[in-house]
């Protein structure tokens, strides 16, 4: 199944657009398609919140990183501001995804 971005109304791929693609290409009704997309993102979010990595073969890995507190500054005033410790999500694309992106860039 080939899904092109040119079929999207905006350059961003949204949850609604994903649900519409499921409706158009797989034949789910609109409610089922929306529920399936929401369930997928709920599962991914739940694993990330609990500190687990999410690995999607052929796409990439979402990982949680803990960042320690550090000194920062307010860019407007230059005043020093402490930046608190926090957890962040990082994404690393798979080699297969990187190849596909590069092939798409080279053929444009």
C-alpha atoms as a PDB file:
ATOM      1  CA  UNK A   1       0.000   0.000   0.000  1.00  0.00           C
ATOM      2  CA  UNK A   2       1.583   3.236  -1.168  1.00  0.00           C
ATOM      3  CA  UNK A   3       0.520   6.355   0.749  1.00  0.00           C
ATOM      4  CA  UNK A   4       1.767   9.638  -0.639  1.00  0.00           C
ATOM      5  CA  UNK A   5       1.962  12.911   1.206  1.00  0.00           C
ATOM      6  CA  UNK A   6       0.634  14.708  -1.849  1.00  0.00           C
ATOM      7  CA  UNK A   7      -2.830  13.391  -0.939  1.00  0.00           C
ATOM      8  CA  UNK A   8      -2.742  15.314   2.333  1.00  0.00           C
ATOM      9  CA  UNK A   9      -4.234  18.782   2.560  1.00  0.00           C
ATOM     10  CA  UNK A  10      -1.464  20.079   4.833  1.00  0.00           C
ATOM     11  CA  UNK A  11       2.229  19.189   4.964  1.00  0.00           C
ATOM     12  CA  UNK A  12       1.833  17.670   8.451  1.00  0.00           C
ATOM     13  CA  UNK A  13       0.610  14.117   8.895  1.00  0.00           C
ATOM     14  CA  UNK A  14      -2.119  14.275  11.529  1.00  0.00           C
ATOM     15  CA  UNK A  15      -4.015  11.636  13.496  1.00  0.00           C
ATOM     16  CA  UNK A  16      -7.134  12.583  11.532  1.00  0.00           C
ATOM     17  CA  UNK A  17      -5.279  12.064   8.239  1.00  0.00           C
ATOM     18  CA  UNK A  18      -4.063   8.650   9.439  1.00  0.00           C
ATOM     19  CA  UNK A  19      -7.636   7.684  10.326  1.00  0.00           C
ATOM     20  CA  UNK A  20      -8.839   8.857   6.902  1.00  0.00           C
ATOM     21  CA  UNK A  21      -6.154   6.724   5.214  1.00  0.00           C
ATOM     22  CA  UNK A  22      -7.290   3.676   7.188  1.00  0.00           C
ATOM     23  CA  UNK A  23     -10.864   4.425   6.139  1.00  0.00           C
ATOM     24  CA  UNK A  24      -9.938   4.852   2.461  1.00  0.00           C
ATOM     25  CA  UNK A  25      -7.386   2.046   2.087  1.00  0.00           C
ATOM     26  CA  UNK A  26      -8.459  -0.673   4.497  1.00  0.00           C
ATOM     27  CA  UNK A  27     -12.194  -0.171   4.598  1.00  0.00           C
ATOM     28  CA  UNK A  28     -12.669   0.436   8.302  1.00  0.00           C
ATOM     29  CA  UNK A  29     -15.520   2.755   9.132  1.00  0.00           C
ATOM     30  CA  UNK A  30     -14.495   6.239  10.259  1.00  0.00           C
ATOM     31  CA  UNK A  31     -15.144   5.546  13.947  1.00  0.00           C
ATOM     32  CA  UNK A  32     -13.109   2.317  13.913  1.00  0.00           C
ATOM     33  CA  UNK A  33     -10.259   4.032  12.063  1.00  0.00           C
ATOM     34  CA  UNK A  34     -10.159   6.903  14.577  1.00  0.00           C
ATOM     35  CA  UNK A  35     -10.304   4.465  17.502  1.00  0.00           C
ATOM     36  CA  UNK A  36      -7.468   2.375  16.036  1.00  0.00           C
ATOM     37  CA  UNK A  37      -5.203   5.407  15.578  1.00  0.00           C
ATOM     38  CA  UNK A  38      -6.016   6.661  19.090  1.00  0.00           C
ATOM     39  CA  UNK A  39      -5.352   3.205  20.562  1.00  0.00           C
ATOM     40  CA  UNK A  40      -1.970   2.980  18.830  1.00  0.00           C
ATOM     41  CA  UNK A  41      -0.852   6.342  20.200  1.00  0.00           C
ATOM     42  CA  UNK A  42      -2.236   5.508  23.656  1.00  0.00           C
ATOM     43  CA  UNK A  43      -0.172   2.298  23.721  1.00  0.00           C
ATOM     44  CA  UNK A  44       2.998   4.101  22.607  1.00  0.00           C
ATOM     45  CA  UNK A  45       2.427   6.911  25.107  1.00  0.00           C
ATOM     46  CA  UNK A  46       1.747   4.464  27.944  1.00  0.00           C
ATOM     47  CA  UNK A  47       5.006   2.608  27.351  1.00  0.00           C
ATOM     48  CA  UNK A  48       7.016   5.829  27.150  1.00  0.00           C
ATOM     49  CA  UNK A  49       5.429   7.222  30.336  1.00  0.00           C
ATOM     50  CA  UNK A  50       6.313   4.019  32.181  1.00  0.00           C
ATOM     51  CA  UNK A  51       9.934   4.399  31.032  1.00  0.00           C
ATOM     52  CA  UNK A  52       9.976   1.672  28.371  1.00  0.00           C
ATOM     53  CA  UNK A  53      11.552   2.148  24.943  1.00  0.00           C
ATOM     54  CA  UNK A  54       9.321   1.725  21.892  1.00  0.00           C
ATOM     55  CA  UNK A  55      10.917   0.022  18.885  1.00  0.00           C
ATOM     56  CA  UNK A  56       9.078  -0.036  15.562  1.00  0.00           C
ATOM     57  CA  UNK A  57      10.895  -2.244  13.066  1.00  0.00           C
ATOM     58  CA  UNK A  58      11.716  -0.436   9.836  1.00  0.00           C
ATOM     59  CA  UNK A  59      10.769   2.938  11.328  1.00  0.00           C
ATOM     60  CA  UNK A  60      12.821   3.719  14.436  1.00  0.00           C
ATOM     61  CA  UNK A  61      13.121   3.805  18.211  1.00  0.00           C
ATOM     62  CA  UNK A  62      11.546   6.128  20.744  1.00  0.00           C
ATOM     63  CA  UNK A  63      13.604   6.281  23.920  1.00  0.00           C
ATOM     64  CA  UNK A  64      13.299   8.043  27.270  1.00  0.00           C
ATOM     65  CA  UNK A  65      16.352   9.989  28.422  1.00  0.00           C
ATOM     66  CA  UNK A  66      16.811  11.528  31.829  1.00  0.00           C
ATOM     67  CA  UNK A  67      18.421  14.945  31.731  1.00  0.00           C
ATOM     68  CA  UNK A  68      19.988  16.311  34.884  1.00  0.00           C
ATOM     69  CA  UNK A  69      19.443  19.832  36.135  1.00  0.00           C
ATOM     70  CA  UNK A  70      21.752  22.485  34.772  1.00  0.00           C
ATOM     71  CA  UNK A  71      22.217  26.226  34.771  1.00  0.00           C
ATOM     72  CA  UNK A  72      20.566  28.164  31.980  1.00  0.00           C
ATOM     73  CA  UNK A  73      19.706  31.746  31.210  1.00  0.00           C
ATOM     74  CA  UNK A  74      16.727  33.762  30.123  1.00  0.00           C
ATOM     75  CA  UNK A  75      17.553  34.782  26.531  1.00  0.00           C
ATOM     76  CA  UNK A  76      15.595  38.013  26.820  1.00  0.00           C
ATOM     77  CA  UNK A  77      17.166  39.324  30.035  1.00  0.00           C
ATOM     78  CA  UNK A  78      20.349  37.263  30.272  1.00  0.00           C
ATOM     79  CA  UNK A  79      19.407  36.428  33.856  1.00  0.00           C
ATOM     80  CA  UNK A  80      20.592  32.996  35.100  1.00  0.00           C
ATOM     81  CA  UNK A  81      17.743  30.505  35.491  1.00  0.00           C
ATOM     82  CA  UNK A  82      18.062  26.935  36.788  1.00  0.00           C
ATOM     83  CA  UNK A  83      16.746  24.264  34.419  1.00  0.00           C
ATOM     84  CA  UNK A  84      15.257  21.398  36.403  1.00  0.00           C
ATOM     85  CA  UNK A  85      15.921  17.707  35.821  1.00  0.00           C
ATOM     86  CA  UNK A  86      13.463  16.153  33.428  1.00  0.00           C
ATOM     87  CA  UNK A  87      12.755  13.180  31.183  1.00  0.00           C
ATOM     88  CA  UNK A  88      12.641  13.667  27.429  1.00  0.00           C
ATOM     89  CA  UNK A  89      11.637  11.477  24.495  1.00  0.00           C
ATOM     90  CA  UNK A  90      14.194  10.996  21.734  1.00  0.00           C
ATOM     91  CA  UNK A  91      13.653   9.392  18.336  1.00  0.00           C
ATOM     92  CA  UNK A  92      16.299   7.587  16.314  1.00  0.00           C
ATOM     93  CA  UNK A  93      15.298   6.661  12.767  1.00  0.00           C
ATOM     94  CA  UNK A  94      16.078   3.148  11.551  1.00  0.00           C
ATOM     95  CA  UNK A  95      18.585   2.687   8.717  1.00  0.00           C
ATOM     96  CA  UNK A  96      15.693   1.578   6.474  1.00  0.00           C
ATOM     97  CA  UNK A  97      13.760   4.810   7.140  1.00  0.00           C
ATOM     98  CA  UNK A  98      16.908   6.882   6.572  1.00  0.00           C
ATOM     99  CA  UNK A  99      17.472   5.166   3.213  1.00  0.00           C
ATOM    100  CA  UNK A 100      13.876   5.791   2.135  1.00  0.00           C
ATOM    101  CA  UNK A 101      14.072   9.461   3.128  1.00  0.00           C
ATOM    102  CA  UNK A 102      17.347   9.915   1.245  1.00  0.00           C
ATOM    103  CA  UNK A 103      15.979   8.160  -1.836  1.00  0.00           C
ATOM    104  CA  UNK A 104      12.947  10.446  -1.759  1.00  0.00           C
ATOM    105  CA  UNK A 105      15.142  13.547  -1.465  1.00  0.00           C
ATOM    106  CA  UNK A 106      17.386  12.459  -4.320  1.00  0.00           C
ATOM    107  CA  UNK A 107      14.491  11.740  -6.716  1.00  0.00           C
ATOM    108  CA  UNK A 108      12.731  15.081  -6.284  1.00  0.00           C
END
